[in-house]
Amino acid sequence: MDDSTQHNIAILFADVAGSTQLYDTLGDVRAEFQISGCLSTMIAVVKGNQGHMVKNIGDEILCHFPNANLAASAACTIQETLADKSSDLKVKIGINFGPTILKQGDVFGDTVNVAARMVGLAKQEQIIVTGSFYDSLVNPDNFNQRKLDPLKVKGKNQLIDIHEILWKGDDTELTCFISAKSILETKKEWSVQLKYNGINCIINRSHPTVSLGRGNQCDTVIHSQQASRQHAVIISRWGKAVLQDKSTNGTFVTLNANNMPNSKSSNEVFVHMEEFALPETGIISLGAPAKDNPNDLIYFQYL
């Protein structure tokens, strides 16, 4: 099954959590010995569940399985085996299922990318899977699970359904999950208005993403050399507008109900390669403080 065509398979990433700290604590030789043992354990479990190893990526393994049930069984067995060994190393696992290109022993495509996002969301000892993976399970009741809130992940325009497979069974120490989605869905419709040089743009649940930058492909094109071509995006997330900076110079957000950048009461926050939940009203300045960028300010307010 390696002919550069697509196959519906399960993609699993398993990452050793806290390995950087382990190298710092134990030193390179002892840390590498422990991590190698952990990786060997995971690889043996993968092969024992009809999985195929693709590669090691640092302290992470990438593998694939012919169906979702084998991948779920392998994920649970990995966690159970490490727990039985009372290992100091903990693993986080992310899985997805869908069409995947197999070529020269490697895997490619959107299914792989989303699986990588899932392991990035997981905490140590967690197994996080997509809704597509969970829906592909035969007899899903064989696996304890809980559905989490859908999330916006990098590279995807739509929210993705997410589940956690509970390999410990009835875990009395499990954090009680309260869905932000179910709470916020009871609230009235909301929107955020952006104003830039006479142009208005609305962000809401129906139009959940707006991109900002100097490039013509952006939803709102900012005519400033201090702005990156793809500078930032603002996304709708559970009743909030969240700014995601992706720029070289960063983004400055002025928190001020009067929308006056030079006011003594204004409070400017610098956001660089991170997220920031926008308040009810304020000013966004791309690449420079608002006082140094008076002709290219973006005013926003919740409606």
C-alpha atoms as a PDB file:
ATOM      1  CA  MET A   1       0.000   0.000   0.000  1.00  0.00           C
ATOM      2  CA  ASP A   2       2.521   2.572  -1.181  1.00  0.00           C
ATOM      3  CA  ASP A   3       1.629   3.792  -4.676  1.00  0.00           C
ATOM      4  CA  SER A   4       1.226   7.565  -4.284  1.00  0.00           C
ATOM      5  CA  THR A   5      -2.572   7.202  -4.235  1.00  0.00           C
ATOM      6  CA  GLN A   6      -4.910   8.132  -1.399  1.00  0.00           C
ATOM      7  CA  HIS A   7      -6.028   5.603   1.184  1.00  0.00           C
ATOM      8  CA  ASN A   8      -8.413   6.074   4.090  1.00  0.00           C
ATOM      9  CA  ILE A   9      -6.189   5.302   7.059  1.00  0.00           C
ATOM     10  CA  ALA A  10      -5.589   6.424  10.639  1.00  0.00           C
ATOM     11  CA  ILE A  11      -2.617   8.714  11.311  1.00  0.00           C
ATOM     12  CA  LEU A  12      -1.146   8.701  14.830  1.00  0.00           C
ATOM     13  CA  PHE A  13       1.434  11.018  16.368  1.00  0.00           C
ATOM     14  CA  ALA A  14       2.861  10.170  19.806  1.00  0.00           C
ATOM     15  CA  ASP A  15       5.131  12.699  21.465  1.00  0.00           C
ATOM     16  CA  VAL A  16       7.241  12.288  24.606  1.00  0.00           C
ATOM     17  CA  ALA A  17       6.211  15.163  26.875  1.00  0.00           C
ATOM     18  CA  GLY A  18       8.793  17.087  28.888  1.00  0.00           C
ATOM     19  CA  SER A  19      11.822  15.684  27.071  1.00  0.00           C
ATOM     20  CA  THR A  20      13.591  19.055  26.989  1.00  0.00           C
ATOM     21  CA  GLN A  21      13.387  19.329  30.762  1.00  0.00           C
ATOM     22  CA  LEU A  22      14.617  15.750  31.103  1.00  0.00           C
ATOM     23  CA  TYR A  23      17.765  16.513  29.092  1.00  0.00           C
ATOM     24  CA  ASP A  24      18.367  19.519  31.320  1.00  0.00           C
ATOM     25  CA  THR A  25      17.811  17.521  34.534  1.00  0.00           C
ATOM     26  CA  LEU A  26      19.569  14.227  33.748  1.00  0.00           C
ATOM     27  CA  GLY A  27      22.073  15.245  31.101  1.00  0.00           C
ATOM     28  CA  ASP A  28      22.212  14.105  27.512  1.00  0.00           C
ATOM     29  CA  VAL A  29      23.322  10.488  27.999  1.00  0.00           C
ATOM     30  CA  ARG A  30      20.833   9.425  30.688  1.00  0.00           C
ATOM     31  CA  ALA A  31      17.969  11.371  29.134  1.00  0.00           C
ATOM     32  CA  GLU A  32      18.599   9.914  25.683  1.00  0.00           C
ATOM     33  CA  PHE A  33      18.662   6.395  27.176  1.00  0.00           C
ATOM     34  CA  GLN A  34      15.265   6.873  28.833  1.00  0.00           C
ATOM     35  CA  ILE A  35      13.678   8.498  25.809  1.00  0.00           C
ATOM     36  CA  SER A  36      15.020   5.804  23.465  1.00  0.00           C
ATOM     37  CA  GLY A  37      13.474   3.169  25.730  1.00  0.00           C
ATOM     38  CA  CYS A  38      10.141   4.994  25.650  1.00  0.00           C
ATOM     39  CA  LEU A  39      10.230   5.276  21.846  1.00  0.00           C
ATOM     40  CA  SER A  40      11.095   1.563  21.538  1.00  0.00           C
ATOM     41  CA  THR A  41       8.110   0.686  23.713  1.00  0.00           C
ATOM     42  CA  MET A  42       5.772   2.769  21.566  1.00  0.00           C
ATOM     43  CA  ILE A  43       7.121   1.332  18.313  1.00  0.00           C
ATOM     44  CA  ALA A  44       6.633  -2.229  19.587  1.00  0.00           C
ATOM     45  CA  VAL A  45       3.012  -1.454  20.489  1.00  0.00           C
ATOM     46  CA  VAL A  46       2.400   0.117  17.080  1.00  0.00           C
ATOM     47  CA  LYS A  47       3.703  -2.964  15.270  1.00  0.00           C
ATOM     48  CA  GLY A  48       1.734  -5.242  17.589  1.00  0.00           C
ATOM     49  CA  ASN A  49      -1.464  -3.498  16.491  1.00  0.00           C
ATOM     50  CA  GLN A  50      -0.795  -3.831  12.736  1.00  0.00           C
ATOM     51  CA  GLY A  51       0.537  -0.291  12.566  1.00  0.00           C
ATOM     52  CA  HIS A  52       3.253   0.923  10.237  1.00  0.00           C
ATOM     53  CA  MET A  53       6.050   3.168  11.463  1.00  0.00           C
ATOM     54  CA  VAL A  54       6.719   6.140   9.213  1.00  0.00           C
ATOM     55  CA  LYS A  55       9.490   7.919  11.103  1.00  0.00           C
ATOM     56  CA  ASN A  56      10.833   9.343  14.312  1.00  0.00           C
ATOM     57  CA  ILE A  57      10.716  13.131  14.509  1.00  0.00           C
ATOM     58  CA  GLY A  58      12.940  13.983  17.456  1.00  0.00           C
ATOM     59  CA  ASP A  59      11.083  12.611  20.488  1.00  0.00           C
ATOM     60  CA  GLU A  60       7.923  11.922  18.475  1.00  0.00           C
ATOM     61  CA  ILE A  61       6.786   9.011  16.322  1.00  0.00           C
ATOM     62  CA  LEU A  62       4.537   9.144  13.267  1.00  0.00           C
ATOM     63  CA  CYS A  63       2.730   5.998  12.211  1.00  0.00           C
ATOM     64  CA  HIS A  64      -0.398   4.834  10.388  1.00  0.00           C
ATOM     65  CA  PHE A  65      -2.987   2.084  10.806  1.00  0.00           C
ATOM     66  CA  PRO A  66      -5.418   0.458   8.378  1.00  0.00           C
ATOM     67  CA  ASN A  67      -8.413   1.398  10.522  1.00  0.00           C
ATOM     68  CA  ALA A  68      -9.416   3.576  13.457  1.00  0.00           C
ATOM     69  CA  ASN A  69      -9.953   0.747  15.944  1.00  0.00           C
ATOM     70  CA  LEU A  70      -6.381  -0.513  15.664  1.00  0.00           C
ATOM     71  CA  ALA A  71      -5.055   3.024  16.128  1.00  0.00           C
ATOM     72  CA  ALA A  72      -7.233   3.601  19.196  1.00  0.00           C
ATOM     73  CA  SER A  73      -6.175   0.273  20.706  1.00  0.00           C
ATOM     74  CA  ALA A  74      -2.507   1.106  20.097  1.00  0.00           C
ATOM     75  CA  ALA A  75      -2.876   4.544  21.672  1.00  0.00           C
ATOM     76  CA  CYS A  76      -4.500   3.115  24.798  1.00  0.00           C
ATOM     77  CA  THR A  77      -1.925   0.339  25.045  1.00  0.00           C
ATOM     78  CA  ILE A  78       0.942   2.837  24.788  1.00  0.00           C
ATOM     79  CA  GLN A  79      -0.440   4.841  27.691  1.00  0.00           C
ATOM     80  CA  GLU A  80      -1.244   1.744  29.756  1.00  0.00           C
ATOM     81  CA  THR A  81       2.198   0.190  29.153  1.00  0.00           C
ATOM     82  CA  LEU A  82       4.055   3.315  30.210  1.00  0.00           C
ATOM     83  CA  ALA A  83       1.828   3.651  33.288  1.00  0.00           C
ATOM     84  CA  ASP A  84       2.478   0.008  34.270  1.00  0.00           C
ATOM     85  CA  LYS A  85       6.213   0.636  34.023  1.00  0.00           C
ATOM     86  CA  SER A  86       5.837   3.624  36.366  1.00  0.00           C
ATOM     87  CA  SER A  87       7.831   5.548  33.801  1.00  0.00           C
ATOM     88  CA  ASP A  88       8.827   9.118  34.555  1.00  0.00           C
ATOM     89  CA  LEU A  89       8.150   9.869  30.904  1.00  0.00           C
ATOM     90  CA  LYS A  90       4.643  10.739  29.806  1.00  0.00           C
ATOM     91  CA  VAL A  91       3.314  10.671  26.265  1.00  0.00           C
ATOM     92  CA  LYS A  92       0.688  12.720  24.466  1.00  0.00           C
ATOM     93  CA  ILE A  93      -1.084  11.289  21.429  1.00  0.00           C
ATOM     94  CA  GLY A  94      -3.060  12.798  18.562  1.00  0.00           C
ATOM     95  CA  ILE A  95      -4.954  10.809  15.913  1.00  0.00           C
ATOM     96  CA  ASN A  96      -6.938  11.555  12.770  1.00  0.00           C
ATOM     97  CA  PHE A  97      -8.587   9.405  10.099  1.00  0.00           C
ATOM     98  CA  GLY A  98      -9.092  10.152   6.430  1.00  0.00           C
ATOM     99  CA  PRO A  99      -7.657  10.123   2.923  1.00  0.00           C
ATOM    100  CA  THR A 100      -3.868  10.076   3.024  1.00  0.00           C
ATOM    101  CA  ILE A 101      -1.188   9.860   0.335  1.00  0.00           C
ATOM    102  CA  LEU A 102       1.402   7.117   0.910  1.00  0.00           C
ATOM    103  CA  LYS A 103       4.568   7.713  -1.074  1.00  0.00           C
ATOM    104  CA  GLN A 104       8.018   6.179  -0.615  1.00  0.00           C
ATOM    105  CA  GLY A 105       7.260   5.146   2.949  1.00  0.00           C
ATOM    106  CA  ASP A 106       6.028   8.585   4.003  1.00  0.00           C
ATOM    107  CA  VAL A 107       2.540  10.055   4.441  1.00  0.00           C
ATOM    108  CA  PHE A 108       1.189  13.330   3.094  1.00  0.00           C
ATOM    109  CA  GLY A 109      -1.991  15.358   3.054  1.00  0.00           C
ATOM    110  CA  ASP A 110      -4.531  17.197   5.153  1.00  0.00           C
ATOM    111  CA  THR A 111      -5.261  14.169   7.342  1.00  0.00           C
ATOM    112  CA  VAL A 112      -1.619  14.112   8.450  1.00  0.00           C
ATOM    113  CA  ASN A 113      -1.558  17.852   9.112  1.00  0.00           C
ATOM    114  CA  VAL A 114      -4.673  17.725  11.279  1.00  0.00           C
ATOM    115  CA  ALA A 115      -3.330  14.719  13.228  1.00  0.00           C
ATOM    116  CA  ALA A 116      -0.248  16.823  14.003  1.00  0.00           C
ATOM    117  CA  ARG A 117      -2.545  19.563  15.321  1.00  0.00           C
ATOM    118  CA  MET A 118      -4.237  17.012  17.596  1.00  0.00           C
ATOM    119  CA  VAL A 119      -1.005  15.937  19.284  1.00  0.00           C
ATOM    120  CA  GLY A 120      -0.206  19.616  19.700  1.00  0.00           C
ATOM    121  CA  LEU A 121      -3.484  20.089  21.582  1.00  0.00           C
ATOM    122  CA  ALA A 122      -2.990  17.043  23.801  1.00  0.00           C
ATOM    123  CA  LYS A 123      -1.515  17.198  27.285  1.00  0.00           C
ATOM    124  CA  GLN A 124       0.666  14.467  28.764  1.00  0.00           C
ATOM    125  CA  GLU A 125      -1.172  11.127  29.121  1.00  0.00           C
ATOM    126  CA  GLN A 126      -3.973  12.390  26.852  1.00  0.00           C
ATOM    127  CA  ILE A 127      -5.263  10.877  23.616  1.00  0.00           C
ATOM    128  CA  ILE A 128      -6.930  13.553  21.486  1.00  0.00           C
ATOM    129  CA  VAL A 129      -8.726  12.514  18.282  1.00  0.00           C
ATOM    130  CA  THR A 130     -10.800  14.244  15.641  1.00  0.00           C
ATOM    131  CA  GLY A 131     -14.508  13.766  15.119  1.00  0.00           C
ATOM    132  CA  SER A 132     -13.660  12.108  11.783  1.00  0.00           C
ATOM    133  CA  PHE A 133     -11.543   9.553  13.612  1.00  0.00           C
ATOM    134  CA  TYR A 134     -14.173   8.875  16.273  1.00  0.00           C
ATOM    135  CA  ASP A 135     -16.912   8.490  13.653  1.00  0.00           C
ATOM    136  CA  SER A 136     -14.726   5.899  11.897  1.00  0.00           C
ATOM    137  CA  LEU A 137     -14.527   3.619  14.938  1.00  0.00           C
ATOM    138  CA  VAL A 138     -16.382   0.313  14.677  1.00  0.00           C
ATOM    139  CA  ASN A 139     -18.296  -0.165  17.943  1.00  0.00           C
ATOM    140  CA  PRO A 140     -17.085   3.133  19.455  1.00  0.00           C
ATOM    141  CA  ASP A 141     -18.711   2.157  22.756  1.00  0.00           C
ATOM    142  CA  ASN A 142     -15.702  -0.130  23.261  1.00  0.00           C
ATOM    143  CA  PHE A 143     -13.688   3.021  24.009  1.00  0.00           C
ATOM    144  CA  ASN A 144     -14.450   5.398  26.849  1.00  0.00           C
ATOM    145  CA  GLN A 145     -14.436   8.954  25.554  1.00  0.00           C
ATOM    146  CA  ARG A 146     -15.715  12.434  26.094  1.00  0.00           C
ATOM    147  CA  LYS A 147     -16.512  15.030  23.463  1.00  0.00           C
ATOM    148  CA  LEU A 148     -14.736  18.354  23.892  1.00  0.00           C
ATOM    149  CA  ASP A 149     -15.606  21.723  22.398  1.00  0.00           C
ATOM    150  CA  PRO A 150     -14.872  22.044  18.672  1.00  0.00           C
ATOM    151  CA  LEU A 151     -11.752  24.085  17.979  1.00  0.00           C
ATOM    152  CA  LYS A 152     -10.318  26.205  15.206  1.00  0.00           C
ATOM    153  CA  VAL A 153      -6.969  24.727  14.210  1.00  0.00           C
ATOM    154  CA  LYS A 154      -4.269  26.261  12.053  1.00  0.00           C
ATOM    155  CA  GLY A 155      -4.853  25.833   8.351  1.00  0.00           C
ATOM    156  CA  LYS A 156      -8.558  25.001   8.628  1.00  0.00           C
ATOM    157  CA  ASN A 157     -11.412  27.424   8.001  1.00  0.00           C
ATOM    158  CA  GLN A 158     -14.001  25.436   9.926  1.00  0.00           C
ATOM    159  CA  LEU A 159     -14.120  24.294  13.531  1.00  0.00           C
ATOM    160  CA  ILE A 160     -13.045  20.677  14.071  1.00  0.00           C
ATOM    161  CA  ASP A 161     -14.890  18.276  16.362  1.00  0.00           C
ATOM    162  CA  ILE A 162     -12.576  16.863  19.023  1.00  0.00           C
ATOM    163  CA  HIS A 163     -12.843  13.879  21.385  1.00  0.00           C
ATOM    164  CA  GLU A 164     -10.625  12.595  24.165  1.00  0.00           C
ATOM    165  CA  ILE A 165     -10.242   8.819  24.495  1.00  0.00           C
ATOM    166  CA  LEU A 166     -10.162   7.974  28.196  1.00  0.00           C
ATOM    167  CA  TRP A 167      -7.740   5.081  28.443  1.00  0.00           C
ATOM    168  CA  LYS A 168      -7.873   4.997  32.261  1.00  0.00           C
ATOM    169  CA  GLY A 169     -11.578   4.158  32.217  1.00  0.00           C
ATOM    170  CA  ASP A 170     -13.576   5.856  34.948  1.00  0.00           C
ATOM    171  CA  ASP A 171     -10.968   8.325  36.134  1.00  0.00           C
ATOM    172  CA  THR A 172     -12.143  10.004  39.340  1.00  0.00           C
ATOM    173  CA  GLU A 173      -9.346  12.579  38.995  1.00  0.00           C
ATOM    174  CA  LEU A 174     -10.529  13.663  35.551  1.00  0.00           C
ATOM    175  CA  THR A 175     -11.260  17.383  35.286  1.00  0.00           C
ATOM    176  CA  CYS A 176     -14.998  17.992  34.996  1.00  0.00           C
ATOM    177  CA  PHE A 177     -15.636  19.286  31.476  1.00  0.00           C
ATOM    178  CA  ILE A 178     -18.087  22.162  31.065  1.00  0.00           C
ATOM    179  CA  SER A 179     -18.744  23.089  27.460  1.00  0.00           C
ATOM    180  CA  ALA A 180     -18.098  26.721  26.668  1.00  0.00           C
ATOM    181  CA  LYS A 181     -19.926  26.120  23.392  1.00  0.00           C
ATOM    182  CA  SER A 182     -23.174  25.103  25.110  1.00  0.00           C
ATOM    183  CA  ILE A 183     -22.999  28.134  27.411  1.00  0.00           C
ATOM    184  CA  LEU A 184     -22.204  30.651  24.705  1.00  0.00           C
ATOM    185  CA  GLU A 185     -24.771  29.275  22.270  1.00  0.00           C
ATOM    186  CA  THR A 186     -27.463  30.521  24.643  1.00  0.00           C
ATOM    187  CA  LYS A 187     -26.186  34.081  24.277  1.00  0.00           C
ATOM    188  CA  LYS A 188     -27.520  36.468  21.666  1.00  0.00           C
ATOM    189  CA  GLU A 189     -25.786  36.908  18.326  1.00  0.00           C
ATOM    190  CA  TRP A 190     -22.751  39.171  18.496  1.00  0.00           C
ATOM    191  CA  SER A 191     -20.435  40.856  16.030  1.00  0.00           C
ATOM    192  CA  VAL A 192     -17.318  43.017  15.935  1.00  0.00           C
ATOM    193  CA  GLN A 193     -16.990  45.916  13.531  1.00  0.00           C
ATOM    194  CA  LEU A 194     -13.620  46.920  12.069  1.00  0.00           C
ATOM    195  CA  LYS A 195     -13.149  50.373  10.511  1.00  0.00           C
ATOM    196  CA  TYR A 196     -10.129  51.255   8.389  1.00  0.00           C
ATOM    197  CA  ASN A 197      -9.927  54.353   6.170  1.00  0.00           C
ATOM    198  CA  GLY A 198     -13.649  54.392   5.497  1.00  0.00           C
ATOM    199  CA  ILE A 199     -13.907  50.610   4.993  1.00  0.00           C
ATOM    200  CA  ASN A 200     -16.102  48.615   7.357  1.00  0.00           C
ATOM    201  CA  CYS A 201     -15.734  44.896   8.027  1.00  0.00           C
ATOM    202  CA  ILE A 202     -17.808  42.660  10.305  1.00  0.00           C
ATOM    203  CA  ILE A 203     -16.684  39.578  12.227  1.00  0.00           C
ATOM    204  CA  ASN A 204     -19.382  37.253  13.597  1.00  0.00           C
ATOM    205  CA  ARG A 205     -20.356  33.581  13.691  1.00  0.00           C
ATOM    206  CA  SER A 206     -21.330  33.677  10.013  1.00  0.00           C
ATOM    207  CA  HIS A 207     -18.114  35.467   8.971  1.00  0.00           C
ATOM    208  CA  PRO A 208     -15.683  34.121  11.589  1.00  0.00           C
ATOM    209  CA  THR A 209     -12.279  35.092  10.139  1.00  0.00           C
ATOM    210  CA  VAL A 210     -10.786  38.323   8.822  1.00  0.00           C
ATOM    211  CA  SER A 211      -7.187  38.600   7.652  1.00  0.00           C
ATOM    212  CA  LEU A 212      -5.164  41.823   7.942  1.00  0.00           C
ATOM    213  CA  GLY A 213      -1.987  42.766   6.114  1.00  0.00           C
ATOM    214  CA  ARG A 214      -0.260  44.497   3.234  1.00  0.00           C
ATOM    215  CA  GLY A 215      -0.848  41.654   0.760  1.00  0.00           C
ATOM    216  CA  ASN A 216      -3.706  41.931  -1.706  1.00  0.00           C
ATOM    217  CA  GLN A 217      -4.966  38.510  -0.656  1.00  0.00           C
ATOM    218  CA  CYS A 218      -5.936  39.841   2.799  1.00  0.00           C
ATOM    219  CA  ASP A 219      -9.569  40.642   3.594  1.00  0.00           C
ATOM    220  CA  THR A 220      -8.539  44.087   4.855  1.00  0.00           C
ATOM    221  CA  VAL A 221      -5.486  45.440   2.999  1.00  0.00           C
ATOM    222  CA  ILE A 222      -3.421  47.825   5.145  1.00  0.00           C
ATOM    223  CA  HIS A 223      -1.373  50.387   3.199  1.00  0.00           C
ATOM    224  CA  SER A 224       1.625  50.558   5.508  1.00  0.00           C
ATOM    225  CA  GLN A 225       5.177  49.353   4.881  1.00  0.00           C
ATOM    226  CA  GLN A 226       5.454  48.481   8.580  1.00  0.00           C
ATOM    227  CA  ALA A 227       2.748  45.839   8.148  1.00  0.00           C
ATOM    228  CA  SER A 228       3.655  42.339   6.970  1.00  0.00           C
ATOM    229  CA  ARG A 229       1.985  40.983   3.842  1.00  0.00           C
ATOM    230  CA  GLN A 230       0.092  38.478   5.990  1.00  0.00           C
ATOM    231  CA  HIS A 231       0.221  40.305   9.277  1.00  0.00           C
ATOM    232  CA  ALA A 232      -2.612  38.989  11.461  1.00  0.00           C
ATOM    233  CA  VAL A 233      -6.020  37.369  11.503  1.00  0.00           C
ATOM    234  CA  ILE A 234      -8.973  37.993  13.780  1.00  0.00           C
ATOM    235  CA  ILE A 235     -11.135  34.947  14.447  1.00  0.00           C
ATOM    236  CA  SER A 236     -14.456  34.394  16.160  1.00  0.00           C
ATOM    237  CA  ARG A 237     -14.049  31.995  19.078  1.00  0.00           C
ATOM    238  CA  TRP A 238     -16.892  31.292  21.510  1.00  0.00           C
ATOM    239  CA  GLY A 239     -18.281  34.797  21.726  1.00  0.00           C
ATOM    240  CA  LYS A 240     -14.913  36.559  21.512  1.00  0.00           C
ATOM    241  CA  ALA A 241     -12.837  38.104  18.758  1.00  0.00           C
ATOM    242  CA  VAL A 242      -9.267  36.786  19.032  1.00  0.00           C
ATOM    243  CA  LEU A 243      -6.326  38.474  17.310  1.00  0.00           C
ATOM    244  CA  GLN A 244      -3.608  36.110  16.059  1.00  0.00           C
ATOM    245  CA  ASP A 245      -0.382  37.919  15.170  1.00  0.00           C
ATOM    246  CA  LYS A 246       1.789  36.306  12.472  1.00  0.00           C
ATOM    247  CA  SER A 247       4.003  39.278  11.634  1.00  0.00           C
ATOM    248  CA  THR A 248       7.605  40.433  11.688  1.00  0.00           C
ATOM    249  CA  ASN A 249       7.027  43.645  13.664  1.00  0.00           C
ATOM    250  CA  GLY A 250       4.101  42.657  15.863  1.00  0.00           C
ATOM    251  CA  THR A 251       0.702  44.253  16.467  1.00  0.00           C
ATOM    252  CA  PHE A 252      -0.187  47.039  18.895  1.00  0.00           C
ATOM    253  CA  VAL A 253      -3.669  47.040  20.453  1.00  0.00           C
ATOM    254  CA  THR A 254      -4.863  50.189  22.225  1.00  0.00           C
ATOM    255  CA  LEU A 255      -7.396  49.475  24.952  1.00  0.00           C
ATOM    256  CA  ASN A 256      -9.431  52.630  25.246  1.00  0.00           C
ATOM    257  CA  ALA A 257     -13.176  53.148  25.246  1.00  0.00           C
ATOM    258  CA  ASN A 258     -12.707  56.635  23.742  1.00  0.00           C
ATOM    259  CA  ASN A 259     -10.635  55.296  20.811  1.00  0.00           C
ATOM    260  CA  MET A 260      -8.049  58.035  21.293  1.00  0.00           C
ATOM    261  CA  PRO A 261      -4.515  56.615  20.811  1.00  0.00           C
ATOM    262  CA  ASN A 262      -2.778  59.572  22.493  1.00  0.00           C
ATOM    263  CA  SER A 263      -5.123  59.751  25.452  1.00  0.00           C
ATOM    264  CA  LYS A 264      -3.531  59.483  28.904  1.00  0.00           C
ATOM    265  CA  SER A 265      -6.114  56.834  29.731  1.00  0.00           C
ATOM    266  CA  SER A 266      -5.114  54.617  26.794  1.00  0.00           C
ATOM    267  CA  ASN A 267      -3.334  51.323  27.462  1.00  0.00           C
ATOM    268  CA  GLU A 268      -1.419  49.768  24.542  1.00  0.00           C
ATOM    269  CA  VAL A 269      -0.627  46.049  24.441  1.00  0.00           C
ATOM    270  CA  PHE A 270       2.090  44.559  22.212  1.00  0.00           C
ATOM    271  CA  VAL A 271       1.180  41.228  20.594  1.00  0.00           C
ATOM    272  CA  HIS A 272       3.825  39.274  18.664  1.00  0.00           C
ATOM    273  CA  MET A 273       3.457  35.715  17.338  1.00  0.00           C
ATOM    274  CA  GLU A 274       0.721  35.033  19.880  1.00  0.00           C
ATOM    275  CA  GLU A 275      -3.010  35.431  20.484  1.00  0.00           C
ATOM    276  CA  PHE A 276      -4.890  38.214  22.219  1.00  0.00           C
ATOM    277  CA  ALA A 277      -8.631  38.417  22.971  1.00  0.00           C
ATOM    278  CA  LEU A 278      -9.858  41.831  21.886  1.00  0.00           C
ATOM    279  CA  PRO A 279     -11.762  43.945  24.431  1.00  0.00           C
ATOM    280  CA  GLU A 280     -15.074  45.654  23.641  1.00  0.00           C
ATOM    281  CA  THR A 281     -13.497  48.615  21.873  1.00  0.00           C
ATOM    282  CA  GLY A 282     -10.047  49.821  20.861  1.00  0.00           C
ATOM    283  CA  ILE A 283      -7.503  50.372  18.109  1.00  0.00           C
ATOM    284  CA  ILE A 284      -5.257  47.978  16.186  1.00  0.00           C
ATOM    285  CA  SER A 285      -1.981  49.247  14.719  1.00  0.00           C
ATOM    286  CA  LEU A 286       0.095  46.925  12.564  1.00  0.00           C
ATOM    287  CA  GLY A 287       3.863  47.046  12.954  1.00  0.00           C
ATOM    288  CA  ALA A 288       4.162  50.228  15.047  1.00  0.00           C
ATOM    289  CA  PRO A 289       2.581  51.926  18.076  1.00  0.00           C
ATOM    290  CA  ALA A 290      -0.626  53.799  17.277  1.00  0.00           C
ATOM    291  CA  LYS A 291       0.947  57.224  17.899  1.00  0.00           C
ATOM    292  CA  ASP A 292       3.568  56.485  15.223  1.00  0.00           C
ATOM    293  CA  ASN A 293       1.047  55.113  12.743  1.00  0.00           C
ATOM    294  CA  PRO A 294      -1.826  57.648  12.651  1.00  0.00           C
ATOM    295  CA  ASN A 295      -2.845  57.082   9.034  1.00  0.00           C
ATOM    296  CA  ASP A 296      -3.281  53.308   9.208  1.00  0.00           C
ATOM    297  CA  LEU A 297      -5.222  52.636  12.393  1.00  0.00           C
ATOM    298  CA  ILE A 298      -7.935  49.990  12.547  1.00  0.00           C
ATOM    299  CA  TYR A 299     -10.756  50.831  14.942  1.00  0.00           C
ATOM    300  CA  PHE A 300     -12.853  48.018  16.393  1.00  0.00           C
ATOM    301  CA  GLN A 301     -15.865  47.648  18.631  1.00  0.00           C
ATOM    302  CA  TYR A 302     -18.373  44.985  19.592  1.00  0.00           C
ATOM    303  CA  LEU A 303     -21.889  45.683  18.348  1.00  0.00           C
END
